[in-house]
């Protein structure tokens, strides 16, 4: 049986069990046994200037002290000052939004947060156009803000000559139309290029046409046949046919002389 459980009239019990720890400034390090006194330890004291009590003193545990937090001089403000039993509370400054845009109405400090509110009108600054828009009116604050216009889209009758840019709209150019009477199409149109029309070839006075021009092919010409010194033209050339050339027939007369005849 532990000694402290003996009748209180027992002399040794009184001596060993009568030692008590001061609950205000001490805590019990070890409880009394049948052969040892209770051991008391002085409680830690927190430095009020740099520490706060993070865990209170109990009859059997020491007081715990922790360093008081320091808020950053730039970027934070004090939400709550420290007390003997609570830490200093810090919070990051509010950042004004960019979308939708806000403006600062209260400058931040070590003790106050930044104040923001939605902007209105020209106080929001120059409007930024998105990727599908171009600046049709440039920003000139405080009198004129940016005017953004939608980029044009080329339709099936036009091709893209220039893409939409920051300060210029899309340039769409109508496709060329080849003149069926005097031109043919050398290259087909695409979404970004025009069709190519070429002037049809004209046959020379010394040529005739062997193949007519089409919508996509040129006229073909060939040189007219020339009569030799001993030949004659039996059929006239036309715009689309060659001349016919023949050698004259030689006739023998009754007197032995000869004559040439064309037919």
Protein backbone atom coordinates (compact mmCIF):
# COMPACT_ATOMS: atom_id res chain seq x y z
CA UNK A 1 0.00 0.00 0.00
CA UNK A 2 1.40 3.50 -0.96
CA UNK A 3 2.47 5.46 2.06
CA UNK A 4 0.13 8.38 1.27
CA UNK A 5 -2.75 5.98 1.54
CA UNK A 6 -1.88 5.16 5.20
CA UNK A 7 -3.94 6.74 7.92
CA UNK A 8 -3.18 10.47 8.07
CA UNK A 9 -2.12 10.07 11.70
CA UNK A 10 0.89 8.10 10.58
CA UNK A 11 3.93 10.33 11.10
CA UNK A 12 5.74 9.42 7.81
CA UNK A 13 2.56 9.89 5.82
CA UNK A 14 2.19 13.43 7.06
CA UNK A 15 5.79 14.25 6.19
CA UNK A 16 5.73 12.87 2.63
CA UNK A 17 2.19 13.76 1.62
CA UNK A 18 2.03 17.23 3.08
CA UNK A 19 4.26 18.69 0.28
CA UNK A 20 2.02 20.47 -2.29
CA UNK A 21 2.87 22.42 -5.42
CA UNK A 22 1.79 26.07 -5.83
CA UNK A 23 -0.76 25.88 -8.66
CA UNK A 24 0.03 29.46 -9.68
CA UNK A 25 3.79 29.21 -10.09
CA UNK A 26 4.58 25.48 -9.95
CA UNK A 27 3.54 22.15 -11.38
CA UNK A 28 4.09 18.59 -10.18
CA UNK A 29 7.09 16.98 -11.81
CA UNK A 30 6.67 13.67 -10.00
CA UNK A 31 4.02 12.36 -7.65
CA UNK A 32 4.97 11.17 -4.15
CA UNK A 33 5.67 7.52 -3.59
CA UNK A 34 6.10 5.40 -0.48
CA UNK A 35 9.72 6.50 -0.29
CA UNK A 36 9.89 9.89 -2.06
CA UNK A 37 8.37 13.32 -1.69
CA UNK A 38 6.29 15.01 -4.39
CA UNK A 39 8.57 17.00 -6.70
CA UNK A 40 7.53 20.50 -7.82
CA UNK A 41 8.99 22.55 -10.68
CA UNK A 42 8.75 26.29 -11.19
CA UNK A 43 6.51 27.14 -14.11
CA UNK A 44 7.89 28.92 -17.16
CA UNK A 45 7.03 32.61 -17.52
CA UNK A 46 6.28 33.94 -21.02
CA UNK A 47 7.93 37.19 -22.13
CA UNK A 48 4.96 39.47 -22.72
CA UNK A 49 6.88 41.47 -25.34
CA UNK A 50 7.80 38.55 -27.60
CA UNK A 51 5.76 35.53 -26.48
CA UNK A 52 2.25 34.37 -25.70
CA UNK A 53 1.00 31.38 -23.70
CA UNK A 54 0.21 28.65 -26.20
CA UNK A 55 -0.65 26.04 -23.51
CA UNK A 56 -1.70 26.92 -19.92
CA UNK A 57 -0.08 25.73 -16.72
CA UNK A 58 -1.80 22.69 -15.18
CA UNK A 59 -1.11 20.88 -11.92
CA UNK A 60 1.03 18.38 -13.79
CA UNK A 61 2.27 20.19 -16.96
CA UNK A 62 4.34 23.28 -17.52
CA UNK A 63 3.12 26.44 -19.26
CA UNK A 64 4.05 26.51 -22.98
CA UNK A 65 5.24 29.75 -24.60
CA UNK A 66 5.46 30.51 -28.34
CA UNK A 67 6.95 33.41 -30.28
CA UNK A 68 4.51 36.12 -31.32
CA UNK A 69 4.09 36.25 -35.12
CA UNK A 70 5.42 39.27 -37.05
CA UNK A 71 3.37 40.44 -40.04
CA UNK A 72 5.28 41.27 -43.22
CA UNK A 73 5.73 45.03 -43.59
CA UNK A 74 4.71 44.73 -47.26
CA UNK A 75 1.87 42.49 -48.32
CA UNK A 76 0.19 41.82 -44.95
CA UNK A 77 -1.86 43.62 -42.32
CA UNK A 78 -2.66 42.87 -38.65
CA UNK A 79 -6.08 41.32 -38.15
CA UNK A 80 -5.72 40.90 -34.36
CA UNK A 81 -3.06 42.02 -31.90
CA UNK A 82 -1.56 39.41 -29.56
CA UNK A 83 -2.86 38.84 -26.03
CA UNK A 84 -1.19 36.92 -23.18
CA UNK A 85 -2.86 33.75 -24.50
CA UNK A 86 -3.34 34.38 -28.26
CA UNK A 87 -0.96 35.00 -31.13
CA UNK A 88 -0.94 38.01 -33.45
CA UNK A 89 -3.11 37.30 -36.54
CA UNK A 90 -1.87 38.42 -40.00
CA UNK A 91 -3.60 38.34 -43.38
CA UNK A 92 -2.41 39.06 -46.91
CA UNK A 93 -3.53 42.29 -48.55
CA UNK A 94 -6.50 41.94 -50.89
CA UNK A 95 -5.55 42.15 -54.58
CA UNK A 96 -8.02 44.10 -56.72
CA UNK A 97 -9.51 41.94 -59.50
CA UNK A 98 -8.60 42.38 -63.12
CA UNK A 99 -11.62 40.60 -64.64
CA UNK A 100 -14.02 42.21 -63.97
CA UNK A 101 -11.67 45.09 -63.23
CA UNK A 102 -11.61 46.72 -59.79
CA UNK A 103 -9.89 49.90 -58.62
CA UNK A 104 -8.22 50.61 -55.29
CA UNK A 105 -10.20 52.92 -53.04
CA UNK A 106 -8.21 52.42 -49.82
CA UNK A 107 -4.45 52.00 -49.72
CA UNK A 108 -3.23 49.05 -47.63
CA UNK A 109 -1.06 49.46 -44.53
CA UNK A 110 0.26 47.35 -41.67
CA UNK A 111 -3.06 47.77 -39.85
CA UNK A 112 -5.55 48.01 -42.74
CA UNK A 113 -6.40 45.91 -45.79
CA UNK A 114 -6.62 47.30 -49.32
CA UNK A 115 -10.12 48.40 -50.31
CA UNK A 116 -11.36 47.64 -53.84
CA UNK A 117 -14.54 48.35 -55.78
CA UNK A 118 -15.73 47.63 -59.35
CA UNK A 119 -14.60 50.32 -61.77
CA UNK A 120 -17.02 52.16 -64.02
CA UNK A 121 -16.61 54.01 -67.31
CA UNK A 122 -13.22 55.44 -68.19
CA UNK A 123 -11.82 54.89 -64.71
CA UNK A 124 -11.43 51.24 -65.72
CA UNK A 125 -8.67 52.30 -68.11
CA UNK A 126 -8.37 51.40 -71.77
CA UNK A 127 -10.56 48.48 -72.81
CA UNK A 128 -8.60 45.49 -74.16
CA UNK A 129 -10.05 43.87 -77.29
CA UNK A 130 -10.12 40.07 -77.44
CA UNK A 131 -8.56 37.88 -80.13
CA UNK A 132 -11.67 37.99 -82.34
CA UNK A 133 -11.80 41.80 -82.37
CA UNK A 134 -9.80 44.73 -83.72
CA UNK A 135 -9.42 48.30 -82.45
CA UNK A 136 -11.69 50.40 -84.65
CA UNK A 137 -11.25 53.45 -82.37
CA UNK A 138 -8.03 53.89 -80.40
CA UNK A 139 -8.08 54.63 -76.67
CA UNK A 140 -7.52 58.29 -75.81
CA UNK A 141 -8.44 58.73 -72.15
CA UNK A 142 -10.01 60.61 -70.50
CA UNK A 143 -12.11 61.54 -73.53
CA UNK A 144 -12.35 58.37 -75.62
CA UNK A 145 -12.07 54.72 -74.70
CA UNK A 146 -11.17 51.85 -77.00
CA UNK A 147 -13.87 50.71 -79.42
CA UNK A 148 -13.56 47.02 -80.32
CA UNK A 149 -15.18 45.67 -83.49
CA UNK A 150 -15.67 42.06 -84.53
CA UNK A 151 -13.21 40.72 -87.10
CA UNK A 152 -14.86 40.09 -90.48
CA UNK A 153 -15.14 36.58 -91.91
CA UNK A 154 -14.65 36.03 -95.64
CA UNK A 155 -17.57 34.36 -97.46
CA UNK A 156 -17.51 31.95 -100.40
CA UNK A 157 -17.20 34.77 -102.98
CA UNK A 158 -14.02 36.20 -101.46
CA UNK A 159 -10.58 35.06 -100.33
CA UNK A 160 -8.57 36.10 -97.25
CA UNK A 161 -5.97 38.63 -98.34
CA UNK A 162 -5.02 39.80 -94.82
CA UNK A 163 -5.90 38.36 -91.42
CA UNK A 164 -7.53 40.48 -88.74
CA UNK A 165 -4.91 42.48 -86.83
CA UNK A 166 -4.88 44.63 -83.71
CA UNK A 167 -5.47 47.86 -85.63
CA UNK A 168 -6.91 46.54 -88.91
CA UNK A 169 -9.91 44.45 -89.86
CA UNK A 170 -9.80 41.32 -92.01
CA UNK A 171 -9.28 42.10 -95.70
CA UNK A 172 -11.52 39.95 -97.94
CA UNK A 173 -11.07 40.36 -101.70
CA UNK A 174 -13.61 39.16 -104.30
CA UNK A 175 -12.40 36.36 -106.55
CA UNK A 176 -11.43 37.37 -110.09
CA UNK A 177 -13.86 36.27 -112.81
CA UNK A 178 -12.17 35.07 -116.00
CA UNK A 179 -13.58 36.54 -119.25
CA UNK A 180 -14.81 33.50 -121.15
CA UNK A 181 -14.17 35.22 -124.50
CA UNK A 182 -10.59 36.31 -123.92
CA UNK A 183 -9.23 34.47 -120.85
CA UNK A 184 -8.87 31.02 -119.33
CA UNK A 185 -8.27 29.88 -115.71
CA UNK A 186 -4.68 28.85 -115.07
CA UNK A 187 -4.99 28.23 -111.30
CA UNK A 188 -8.04 27.56 -109.16
CA UNK A 189 -9.05 29.83 -106.26
CA UNK A 190 -8.49 28.84 -102.59
CA UNK A 191 -9.59 30.30 -99.26
CA UNK A 192 -6.42 32.42 -99.18
CA UNK A 193 -5.60 32.98 -102.87
CA UNK A 194 -7.33 34.33 -105.99
CA UNK A 195 -7.97 32.35 -109.16
CA UNK A 196 -5.46 33.14 -111.92
CA UNK A 197 -6.88 34.29 -115.25
CA UNK A 198 -4.58 34.33 -118.29
CA UNK A 199 -5.18 36.05 -121.63
CA UNK A 200 -5.95 33.58 -124.38
CA UNK A 201 -3.38 33.29 -127.14
CA UNK A 202 -4.29 34.90 -130.48
CA UNK A 203 -3.19 32.99 -133.55
CA UNK A 204 -0.94 35.01 -135.89
CA UNK A 205 -1.75 35.75 -139.51
CA UNK A 206 0.69 32.95 -140.37
CA UNK A 207 -1.07 30.45 -138.07
CA UNK A 208 -4.38 28.63 -137.76
CA UNK A 209 -6.20 27.34 -134.66
CA UNK A 210 -5.89 23.62 -133.98
CA UNK A 211 -7.65 23.64 -130.58
CA UNK A 212 -10.12 26.18 -129.26
CA UNK A 213 -9.65 27.72 -125.81
CA UNK A 214 -11.72 26.33 -122.92
CA UNK A 215 -12.42 27.64 -119.43
CA UNK A 216 -9.19 26.02 -118.20
CA UNK A 217 -7.01 25.58 -121.34
CA UNK A 218 -5.45 27.99 -123.83
CA UNK A 219 -6.04 28.16 -127.60
CA UNK A 220 -3.54 26.08 -129.62
CA UNK A 221 -2.14 27.50 -132.89
CA UNK A 222 0.00 25.96 -135.61
CA UNK A 223 1.98 27.56 -138.46
CA UNK A 224 0.32 27.54 -141.89
CA UNK A 225 1.87 25.35 -144.52
CA UNK A 226 4.02 27.38 -146.93
CA UNK A 227 3.99 26.81 -150.69
CA UNK A 228 7.30 25.73 -152.14
CA UNK A 229 8.78 27.14 -155.33
CA UNK A 230 7.27 24.29 -157.33
CA UNK A 231 3.92 24.21 -155.43
CA UNK A 232 0.65 26.04 -155.54
CA UNK A 233 -2.14 26.58 -153.00
CA UNK A 234 -5.08 24.43 -153.87
CA UNK A 235 -7.22 25.28 -150.82
CA UNK A 236 -7.22 28.54 -148.90
CA UNK A 237 -6.47 28.54 -145.21
CA UNK A 238 -9.19 29.48 -142.69
CA UNK A 239 -9.02 30.47 -139.04
CA UNK A 240 -9.22 26.80 -138.07
CA UNK A 241 -7.84 24.91 -141.10
CA UNK A 242 -4.50 24.84 -142.89
CA UNK A 243 -4.05 25.68 -146.59
CA UNK A 244 -3.68 22.77 -149.01
CA UNK A 245 -0.60 22.80 -151.22
CA UNK A 246 -0.11 20.76 -154.42
CA UNK A 247 2.54 20.23 -157.05
CA UNK A 248 1.34 21.33 -160.50
CA UNK A 249 0.55 18.60 -163.09
CA UNK A 250 2.97 18.52 -166.09
CA UNK A 251 1.18 18.14 -169.45
CA UNK A 252 3.03 16.95 -172.63
CA UNK A 253 1.90 18.75 -175.78
CA UNK A 254 1.70 17.18 -179.25
CA UNK A 255 4.80 19.02 -180.49
CA UNK A 256 6.89 17.56 -177.77
CA UNK A 257 6.79 20.65 -175.49
CA UNK A 258 5.39 20.50 -171.94
CA UNK A 259 3.15 22.86 -169.93
CA UNK A 260 2.33 23.02 -166.26
CA UNK A 261 -1.24 23.26 -165.05
CA UNK A 262 -2.63 23.72 -161.67
CA UNK A 263 -5.37 21.17 -161.97
